[in-house]
């Protein structure tokens, strides 16, 4: 599964991204696979406006 996410805001120590639909609109939390993703600032030192998150099931 691949999820497109856009930057929403920064907190003291984290950047927050939200899932977006194919047309770029934020996905409603009721239908989003990953409604919000918090990434530590030191793990993503250069802030970007858009990321793609890939989730792979390991059996």
PDB file of N, CA and C in Angstrom:
ATOM      1  N   UNK A   1       0.845  -1.162   0.000  1.00  0.00           N
ATOM      2  CA  UNK A   1       0.000   0.000   0.000  1.00  0.00           C
ATOM      3  C   UNK A   1       0.899   1.236   0.000  1.00  0.00           C
ATOM      4  N   UNK A   2       0.581   2.187  -0.862  1.00  0.00           N
ATOM      5  CA  UNK A   2       1.293   3.463  -0.899  1.00  0.00           C
ATOM      6  C   UNK A   2       0.302   4.565  -0.565  1.00  0.00           C
ATOM      7  N   UNK A   3       0.730   5.470   0.297  1.00  0.00           N
ATOM      8  CA  UNK A   3      -0.133   6.555   0.747  1.00  0.00           C
ATOM      9  C   UNK A   3       0.580   7.882   0.507  1.00  0.00           C
ATOM     10  N   UNK A   4      -0.070   8.779  -0.219  1.00  0.00           N
ATOM     11  CA  UNK A   4       0.469  10.124  -0.424  1.00  0.00           C
ATOM     12  C   UNK A   4       0.098  10.979   0.776  1.00  0.00           C
ATOM     13  N   UNK A   5       1.078  11.730   1.271  1.00  0.00           N
ATOM     14  CA  UNK A   5       0.845  12.571   2.435  1.00  0.00           C
ATOM     15  C   UNK A   5       1.449  13.943   2.191  1.00  0.00           C
ATOM     16  N   UNK A   6       0.782  14.962   2.710  1.00  0.00           N
ATOM     17  CA  UNK A   6       1.272  16.337   2.610  1.00  0.00           C
ATOM     18  C   UNK A   6       1.515  16.894   4.001  1.00  0.00           C
ATOM     19  N   UNK A   7       2.490  17.810   4.064  1.00  0.00           N
ATOM     20  CA  UNK A   7       2.823  18.467   5.318  1.00  0.00           C
ATOM     21  C   UNK A   7       1.615  19.229   5.846  1.00  0.00           C
ATOM     22  N   UNK A   8       1.354  19.062   7.144  1.00  0.00           N
ATOM     23  CA  UNK A   8       0.234  19.764   7.780  1.00  0.00           C
ATOM     24  C   UNK A   8       0.731  20.846   8.731  1.00  0.00           C
ATOM     25  N   UNK A   9       1.660  20.468   9.634  1.00  0.00           N
ATOM     26  CA  UNK A   9       2.177  21.423  10.615  1.00  0.00           C
ATOM     27  C   UNK A   9       3.422  20.845  11.273  1.00  0.00           C
ATOM     28  N   UNK A  10       4.099  21.674  12.050  1.00  0.00           N
ATOM     29  CA  UNK A  10       5.212  21.221  12.874  1.00  0.00           C
ATOM     30  C   UNK A  10       4.865  21.472  14.329  1.00  0.00           C
ATOM     31  N   UNK A  11       5.282  20.543  15.177  1.00  0.00           N
ATOM     32  CA  UNK A  11       5.164  20.734  16.616  1.00  0.00           C
ATOM     33  C   UNK A  11       6.576  20.992  17.127  1.00  0.00           C
ATOM     34  N   UNK A  12       6.765  20.981  18.422  1.00  0.00           N
ATOM     35  CA  UNK A  12       8.082  21.277  18.985  1.00  0.00           C
ATOM     36  C   UNK A  12       9.161  20.341  18.439  1.00  0.00           C
ATOM     37  N   UNK A  13       8.868  19.053  18.355  1.00  0.00           N
ATOM     38  CA  UNK A  13       9.880  18.079  17.951  1.00  0.00           C
ATOM     39  C   UNK A  13       9.499  17.227  16.752  1.00  0.00           C
ATOM     40  N   UNK A  14       8.342  17.485  16.160  1.00  0.00           N
ATOM     41  CA  UNK A  14       7.872  16.603  15.085  1.00  0.00           C
ATOM     42  C   UNK A  14       7.258  17.394  13.936  1.00  0.00           C
ATOM     43  N   UNK A  15       7.303  16.768  12.754  1.00  0.00           N
ATOM     44  CA  UNK A  15       6.577  17.254  11.587  1.00  0.00           C
ATOM     45  C   UNK A  15       5.351  16.355  11.440  1.00  0.00           C
ATOM     46  N   UNK A  16       4.215  16.944  11.116  1.00  0.00           N
ATOM     47  CA  UNK A  16       2.968  16.194  10.986  1.00  0.00           C
ATOM     48  C   UNK A  16       2.527  16.215   9.526  1.00  0.00           C
ATOM     49  N   UNK A  17       2.226  15.027   9.001  1.00  0.00           N
ATOM     50  CA  UNK A  17       1.744  14.879   7.636  1.00  0.00           C
ATOM     51  C   UNK A  17       0.353  14.270   7.683  1.00  0.00           C
ATOM     52  N   UNK A  18      -0.486  14.605   6.682  1.00  0.00           N
ATOM     53  CA  UNK A  18      -1.824  14.032   6.594  1.00  0.00           C
ATOM     54  C   UNK A  18      -2.010  13.398   5.227  1.00  0.00           C
ATOM     55  N   UNK A  19      -2.799  12.327   5.203  1.00  0.00           N
ATOM     56  CA  UNK A  19      -3.067  11.622   3.950  1.00  0.00           C
ATOM     57  C   UNK A  19      -3.881  12.510   3.021  1.00  0.00           C
ATOM     58  N   UNK A  20      -3.542  12.458   1.736  1.00  0.00           N
ATOM     59  CA  UNK A  20      -4.286  13.225   0.740  1.00  0.00           C
ATOM     60  C   UNK A  20      -4.812  12.299  -0.348  1.00  0.00           C
ATOM     61  N   UNK A  21      -5.904  12.718  -0.964  1.00  0.00           N
ATOM     62  CA  UNK A  21      -6.501  11.978  -2.071  1.00  0.00           C
ATOM     63  C   UNK A  21      -5.721  12.251  -3.351  1.00  0.00           C
ATOM     64  N   UNK A  22      -6.048  11.540  -4.413  1.00  0.00           N
ATOM     65  CA  UNK A  22      -5.348  11.690  -5.691  1.00  0.00           C
ATOM     66  C   UNK A  22      -5.401  13.120  -6.213  1.00  0.00           C
ATOM     67  N   UNK A  23      -6.476  13.844  -5.903  1.00  0.00           N
ATOM     68  CA  UNK A  23      -6.596  15.227  -6.382  1.00  0.00           C
ATOM     69  C   UNK A  23      -5.942  16.245  -5.446  1.00  0.00           C
ATOM     70  N   UNK A  24      -5.277  15.754  -4.381  1.00  0.00           N
ATOM     71  CA  UNK A  24      -4.552  16.638  -3.474  1.00  0.00           C
ATOM     72  C   UNK A  24      -5.329  17.124  -2.265  1.00  0.00           C
ATOM     73  N   UNK A  25      -6.627  16.815  -2.204  1.00  0.00           N
ATOM     74  CA  UNK A  25      -7.433  17.208  -1.042  1.00  0.00           C
ATOM     75  C   UNK A  25      -7.140  16.286   0.134  1.00  0.00           C
ATOM     76  N   UNK A  26      -7.175  16.816   1.373  1.00  0.00           N
ATOM     77  CA  UNK A  26      -6.980  15.952   2.543  1.00  0.00           C
ATOM     78  C   UNK A  26      -8.051  14.866   2.599  1.00  0.00           C
ATOM     79  N   UNK A  27      -7.630  13.650   2.941  1.00  0.00           N
ATOM     80  CA  UNK A  27      -8.571  12.534   3.070  1.00  0.00           C
ATOM     81  C   UNK A  27      -9.315  12.657   4.390  1.00  0.00           C
ATOM     82  N   UNK A  28     -10.593  12.379   4.375  1.00  0.00           N
ATOM     83  CA  UNK A  28     -11.397  12.371   5.588  1.00  0.00           C
ATOM     84  C   UNK A  28     -10.861  11.281   6.507  1.00  0.00           C
ATOM     85  N   UNK A  29     -10.755  11.563   7.799  1.00  0.00           N
ATOM     86  CA  UNK A  29     -10.195  10.606   8.760  1.00  0.00           C
ATOM     87  C   UNK A  29     -10.939   9.279   8.760  1.00  0.00           C
ATOM     88  N   UNK A  30     -12.213   9.288   8.409  1.00  0.00           N
ATOM     89  CA  UNK A  30     -13.009   8.056   8.406  1.00  0.00           C
ATOM     90  C   UNK A  30     -12.610   7.109   7.280  1.00  0.00           C
ATOM     91  N   UNK A  31     -12.030   7.630   6.196  1.00  0.00           N
ATOM     92  CA  UNK A  31     -11.650   6.775   5.066  1.00  0.00           C
ATOM     93  C   UNK A  31     -10.139   6.663   4.876  1.00  0.00           C
ATOM     94  N   UNK A  32      -9.370   7.474   5.573  1.00  0.00           N
ATOM     95  CA  UNK A  32      -7.914   7.474   5.409  1.00  0.00           C
ATOM     96  C   UNK A  32      -7.298   6.209   5.999  1.00  0.00           C
ATOM     97  N   UNK A  33      -6.336   5.637   5.284  1.00  0.00           N
ATOM     98  CA  UNK A  33      -5.598   4.476   5.801  1.00  0.00           C
ATOM     99  C   UNK A  33      -4.665   4.906   6.923  1.00  0.00           C
ATOM    100  N   UNK A  34      -4.002   6.044   6.719  1.00  0.00           N
ATOM    101  CA  UNK A  34      -3.097   6.620   7.715  1.00  0.00           C
ATOM    102  C   UNK A  34      -3.489   8.095   7.842  1.00  0.00           C
ATOM    103  N   UNK A  35      -4.413   8.433   8.742  1.00  0.00           N
ATOM    104  CA  UNK A  35      -4.895   9.814   8.813  1.00  0.00           C
ATOM    105  C   UNK A  35      -3.795  10.837   9.095  1.00  0.00           C
ATOM    106  N   UNK A  36      -2.912  10.532  10.043  1.00  0.00           N
ATOM    107  CA  UNK A  36      -1.816  11.435  10.405  1.00  0.00           C
ATOM    108  C   UNK A  36      -0.559  10.630  10.651  1.00  0.00           C
ATOM    109  N   UNK A  37       0.572  11.241  10.322  1.00  0.00           N
ATOM    110  CA  UNK A  37       1.860  10.606  10.562  1.00  0.00           C
ATOM    111  C   UNK A  37       2.780  11.642  11.184  1.00  0.00           C
ATOM    112  N   UNK A  38       3.340  11.320  12.347  1.00  0.00           N
ATOM    113  CA  UNK A  38       4.258  12.207  13.049  1.00  0.00           C
ATOM    114  C   UNK A  38       5.673  11.678  12.844  1.00  0.00           C
ATOM    115  N   UNK A  39       6.561  12.529  12.337  1.00  0.00           N
ATOM    116  CA  UNK A  39       7.949  12.148  12.099  1.00  0.00           C
ATOM    117  C   UNK A  39       8.841  13.094  12.890  1.00  0.00           C
ATOM    118  N   UNK A  40       9.765  12.529  13.655  1.00  0.00           N
ATOM    119  CA  UNK A  40      10.680  13.361  14.438  1.00  0.00           C
ATOM    120  C   UNK A  40      11.491  14.256  13.508  1.00  0.00           C
ATOM    121  N   UNK A  41      11.703  15.480  13.940  1.00  0.00           N
ATOM    122  CA  UNK A  41      12.423  16.452  13.117  1.00  0.00           C
ATOM    123  C   UNK A  41      13.842  15.990  12.800  1.00  0.00           C
ATOM    124  N   UNK A  42      14.494  15.304  13.738  1.00  0.00           N
ATOM    125  CA  UNK A  42      15.863  14.861  13.464  1.00  0.00           C
ATOM    126  C   UNK A  42      15.902  13.706  12.459  1.00  0.00           C
ATOM    127  N   UNK A  43      14.783  13.035  12.237  1.00  0.00           N
ATOM    128  CA  UNK A  43      14.716  11.973  11.229  1.00  0.00           C
ATOM    129  C   UNK A  43      14.437  12.545   9.841  1.00  0.00           C
ATOM    130  N   UNK A  44      13.929  13.756   9.787  1.00  0.00           N
ATOM    131  CA  UNK A  44      13.610  14.426   8.528  1.00  0.00           C
ATOM    132  C   UNK A  44      14.100  15.872   8.644  1.00  0.00           C
ATOM    133  N   UNK A  45      15.433  16.055   8.631  1.00  0.00           N
ATOM    134  CA  UNK A  45      15.990  17.386   8.888  1.00  0.00           C
ATOM    135  C   UNK A  45      15.603  18.444   7.848  1.00  0.00           C
ATOM    136  N   UNK A  46      15.420  18.032   6.590  1.00  0.00           N
ATOM    137  CA  UNK A  46      14.986  18.972   5.557  1.00  0.00           C
ATOM    138  C   UNK A  46      13.499  18.759   5.314  1.00  0.00           C
ATOM    139  N   UNK A  47      12.706  19.708   5.736  1.00  0.00           N
ATOM    140  CA  UNK A  47      11.257  19.590   5.603  1.00  0.00           C
ATOM    141  C   UNK A  47      10.852  19.601   4.139  1.00  0.00           C
ATOM    142  N   UNK A  48       9.995  18.671   3.780  1.00  0.00           N
ATOM    143  CA  UNK A  48       9.434  18.603   2.438  1.00  0.00           C
ATOM    144  C   UNK A  48       7.921  18.738   2.547  1.00  0.00           C
ATOM    145  N   UNK A  49       7.271  19.150   1.496  1.00  0.00           N
ATOM    146  CA  UNK A  49       5.830  19.375   1.532  1.00  0.00           C
ATOM    147  C   UNK A  49       5.021  18.118   1.244  1.00  0.00           C
ATOM    148  N   UNK A  50       5.662  17.108   0.651  1.00  0.00           N
ATOM    149  CA  UNK A  50       4.921  15.899   0.280  1.00  0.00           C
ATOM    150  C   UNK A  50       5.812  14.674   0.434  1.00  0.00           C
ATOM    151  N   UNK A  51       5.235  13.591   0.956  1.00  0.00           N
ATOM    152  CA  UNK A  51       5.949  12.323   1.079  1.00  0.00           C
ATOM    153  C   UNK A  51       5.032  11.196   0.605  1.00  0.00           C
ATOM    154  N   UNK A  52       5.633  10.070   0.280  1.00  0.00           N
ATOM    155  CA  UNK A  52       4.889   8.850  -0.025  1.00  0.00           C
ATOM    156  C   UNK A  52       5.310   7.811   1.007  1.00  0.00           C
ATOM    157  N   UNK A  53       4.333   7.244   1.683  1.00  0.00           N
ATOM    158  CA  UNK A  53       4.587   6.224   2.695  1.00  0.00           C
ATOM    159  C   UNK A  53       4.186   4.879   2.108  1.00  0.00           C
ATOM    160  N   UNK A  54       5.096   3.908   2.179  1.00  0.00           N
ATOM    161  CA  UNK A  54       4.825   2.562   1.690  1.00  0.00           C
ATOM    162  C   UNK A  54       4.728   1.620   2.880  1.00  0.00           C
ATOM    163  N   UNK A  55       3.644   0.863   2.927  1.00  0.00           N
ATOM    164  CA  UNK A  55       3.444  -0.132   3.980  1.00  0.00           C
ATOM    165  C   UNK A  55       3.437  -1.496   3.309  1.00  0.00           C
ATOM    166  N   UNK A  56       4.328  -2.356   3.775  1.00  0.00           N
ATOM    167  CA  UNK A  56       4.442  -3.692   3.201  1.00  0.00           C
ATOM    168  C   UNK A  56       4.172  -4.719   4.295  1.00  0.00           C
ATOM    169  N   UNK A  57       3.294  -5.654   4.028  1.00  0.00           N
ATOM    170  CA  UNK A  57       2.962  -6.701   4.992  1.00  0.00           C
ATOM    171  C   UNK A  57       4.024  -7.788   4.909  1.00  0.00           C
ATOM    172  N   UNK A  58       4.581  -8.149   6.058  1.00  0.00           N
ATOM    173  CA  UNK A  58       5.591  -9.198   6.138  1.00  0.00           C
ATOM    174  C   UNK A  58       4.948 -10.406   6.795  1.00  0.00           C
ATOM    175  N   UNK A  59       5.054 -11.546   6.138  1.00  0.00           N
ATOM    176  CA  UNK A  59       4.455 -12.767   6.683  1.00  0.00           C
ATOM    177  C   UNK A  59       5.506 -13.701   7.197  1.00  0.00           C
TER     178      UNK A  59
END
